[in-house]
């Protein structure tokens, strides 16, 4: 599989969205309802959402953390936040959760929902070791426009 990979640095990223907790092996059952709920009620957070120069949301994120909220990778269970990027000082309205991802250097990997698993596996097992890098936190999903990027944290800044 030929992967489109790049390296980026991002300061802290604030996201407001719908949070869920569940069995890591069953993410396909409990994560999609978070996205549907977020999309149905997105108007409630619309005034808080950051926008790009074209007026579209600047960041749609599928953020992940361990149950201890330390942004470690999932083990047997984990937390997921389906949300939109906001300013760091934005407050989450009632019924919403706000996470602030720490500043990291990320290896970004372009994929699709269909190639997510193989792309992640190739990145973790081959790309990181081949580049002398290692995973230092949970992988995040970023949806710019019609693409999907895996944000693979390789260094905390």
Protein backbone atom coordinates (compact mmCIF):
# COMPACT_ATOMS: atom_id res chain seq x y z
CA UNK A 1 0.00 0.00 0.00
CA UNK A 2 1.43 3.38 -1.05
CA UNK A 3 0.78 5.87 1.72
CA UNK A 4 0.74 9.66 1.44
CA UNK A 5 2.69 10.69 4.53
CA UNK A 6 3.87 14.03 5.83
CA UNK A 7 5.05 15.52 9.12
CA UNK A 8 3.31 18.42 10.87
CA UNK A 9 3.55 20.17 14.22
CA UNK A 10 0.38 21.33 15.92
CA UNK A 11 -0.02 23.32 19.09
CA UNK A 12 -2.85 22.37 21.44
CA UNK A 13 -6.07 21.59 19.56
CA UNK A 14 -9.41 22.28 21.25
CA UNK A 15 -12.37 20.18 20.15
CA UNK A 16 -16.01 20.27 21.26
CA UNK A 17 -18.11 17.25 20.45
CA UNK A 18 -19.99 14.18 21.56
CA UNK A 19 -18.01 11.87 23.81
CA UNK A 20 -18.39 8.14 24.22
CA UNK A 21 -16.67 5.33 26.07
CA UNK A 22 -16.57 1.71 25.10
CA UNK A 23 -14.89 -1.56 24.27
CA UNK A 24 -12.04 -0.93 21.81
CA UNK A 25 -12.87 -4.10 19.88
CA UNK A 26 -16.44 -2.86 19.36
CA UNK A 27 -15.71 0.75 18.31
CA UNK A 28 -17.68 0.19 15.12
CA UNK A 29 -20.81 -0.18 17.25
CA UNK A 30 -20.52 2.78 19.64
CA UNK A 31 -18.51 5.38 17.67
CA UNK A 32 -20.84 5.95 14.64
CA UNK A 33 -23.79 7.00 16.88
CA UNK A 34 -21.55 9.74 18.34
CA UNK A 35 -21.02 11.14 14.83
CA UNK A 36 -24.76 10.99 14.04
CA UNK A 37 -25.63 12.75 17.31
CA UNK A 38 -22.95 15.41 16.76
CA UNK A 39 -24.20 16.09 13.23
CA UNK A 40 -27.86 16.26 14.32
CA UNK A 41 -27.09 18.85 17.01
CA UNK A 42 -24.16 20.68 15.40
CA UNK A 43 -26.13 23.94 15.30
CA UNK A 44 -25.76 24.11 19.11
CA UNK A 45 -22.00 24.59 18.80
CA UNK A 46 -21.90 26.36 15.41
CA UNK A 47 -21.05 29.79 16.91
CA UNK A 48 -17.97 28.27 18.62
CA UNK A 49 -16.52 26.45 15.60
CA UNK A 50 -13.32 27.70 13.98
CA UNK A 51 -13.57 28.25 10.21
CA UNK A 52 -11.04 28.23 7.39
CA UNK A 53 -10.66 30.96 4.76
CA UNK A 54 -13.51 29.45 2.70
CA UNK A 55 -15.95 29.51 5.64
CA UNK A 56 -15.93 25.74 6.22
CA UNK A 57 -15.18 24.27 9.65
CA UNK A 58 -11.40 24.37 10.18
CA UNK A 59 -11.27 20.94 11.72
CA UNK A 60 -13.54 17.94 12.05
CA UNK A 61 -11.95 15.49 14.48
CA UNK A 62 -12.41 11.97 15.71
CA UNK A 63 -10.29 12.26 18.85
CA UNK A 64 -9.22 9.29 20.94
CA UNK A 65 -7.90 8.80 24.45
CA UNK A 66 -7.45 6.08 27.00
CA UNK A 67 -10.04 5.87 29.77
CA UNK A 68 -7.73 7.86 32.08
CA UNK A 69 -7.89 10.87 29.70
CA UNK A 70 -4.11 10.92 29.25
CA UNK A 71 -4.38 10.59 25.44
CA UNK A 72 -2.68 7.21 25.53
CA UNK A 73 -3.73 4.69 22.86
CA UNK A 74 -6.78 2.54 23.50
CA UNK A 75 -6.20 -0.80 25.16
CA UNK A 76 -9.26 -2.87 26.03
CA UNK A 77 -11.47 0.22 26.09
CA UNK A 78 -11.25 3.89 25.32
CA UNK A 79 -12.80 7.29 24.88
CA UNK A 80 -13.78 8.87 21.55
CA UNK A 81 -14.86 12.44 20.79
CA UNK A 82 -16.63 13.20 17.51
CA UNK A 83 -16.32 16.95 17.19
CA UNK A 84 -15.23 20.21 15.69
CA UNK A 85 -12.21 22.39 16.33
CA UNK A 86 -12.83 25.48 18.46
CA UNK A 87 -10.73 28.21 20.07
CA UNK A 88 -8.80 27.12 23.15
CA UNK A 89 -10.91 29.37 25.40
CA UNK A 90 -14.29 28.13 24.08
CA UNK A 91 -16.61 26.58 26.68
CA UNK A 92 -18.60 23.45 25.88
CA UNK A 93 -22.37 23.92 26.14
CA UNK A 94 -24.39 21.58 28.33
CA UNK A 95 -24.45 18.07 26.88
CA UNK A 96 -21.18 18.56 25.00
CA UNK A 97 -17.59 17.69 25.92
CA UNK A 98 -14.43 19.67 25.29
CA UNK A 99 -11.01 18.11 24.90
CA UNK A 100 -7.69 19.85 24.36
CA UNK A 101 -5.21 17.65 22.55
CA UNK A 102 -1.65 18.42 23.69
CA UNK A 103 0.90 19.87 21.27
CA UNK A 104 2.58 17.15 19.22
CA UNK A 105 4.66 16.53 16.14
CA UNK A 106 2.53 14.20 14.03
CA UNK A 107 3.15 11.90 11.13
CA UNK A 108 0.03 12.36 9.00
CA UNK A 109 -1.25 9.51 6.87
CA UNK A 110 -3.92 10.00 4.23
CA UNK A 111 -6.49 7.20 4.06
CA UNK A 112 -10.18 6.45 3.63
CA UNK A 113 -12.60 4.70 5.99
CA UNK A 114 -12.00 1.57 3.89
CA UNK A 115 -8.17 1.76 4.08
CA UNK A 116 -8.01 3.00 7.70
CA UNK A 117 -7.06 -0.36 9.26
CA UNK A 118 -4.37 -1.35 6.74
CA UNK A 119 -2.94 2.20 6.65
CA UNK A 120 -2.73 2.36 10.45
CA UNK A 121 -1.14 -1.09 10.65
CA UNK A 122 1.46 -0.27 7.97
CA UNK A 123 2.24 3.03 9.70
CA UNK A 124 2.70 1.51 13.16
CA UNK A 125 4.54 -1.64 12.06
CA UNK A 126 6.68 -0.25 9.23
CA UNK A 127 6.66 3.51 8.66
CA UNK A 128 7.41 4.53 12.26
CA UNK A 129 10.29 2.06 12.82
CA UNK A 130 11.71 2.72 9.33
CA UNK A 131 11.86 6.45 10.20
CA UNK A 132 13.25 5.89 13.69
CA UNK A 133 9.99 7.10 15.26
CA UNK A 134 7.58 5.64 17.78
CA UNK A 135 3.97 6.22 18.74
CA UNK A 136 3.83 8.48 21.84
CA UNK A 137 0.05 8.95 22.23
CA UNK A 138 -3.29 7.96 20.72
CA UNK A 139 -3.78 8.34 16.97
CA UNK A 140 -6.32 11.04 16.05
CA UNK A 141 -8.59 11.26 13.00
CA UNK A 142 -8.77 14.55 11.10
CA UNK A 143 -11.25 15.19 8.29
CA UNK A 144 -10.16 18.13 6.11
CA UNK A 145 -12.66 18.52 3.27
CA UNK A 146 -13.26 15.19 1.58
CA UNK A 147 -10.11 13.51 2.95
CA UNK A 148 -9.29 11.56 6.07
CA UNK A 149 -5.93 11.96 7.78
CA UNK A 150 -4.57 9.91 10.64
CA UNK A 151 -2.60 12.13 13.00
CA UNK A 152 0.02 9.78 14.46
CA UNK A 153 1.77 11.52 17.40
CA UNK A 154 5.52 10.89 17.37
CA UNK A 155 6.80 13.62 19.71
CA UNK A 156 5.19 15.68 22.46
CA UNK A 157 6.09 19.37 22.07
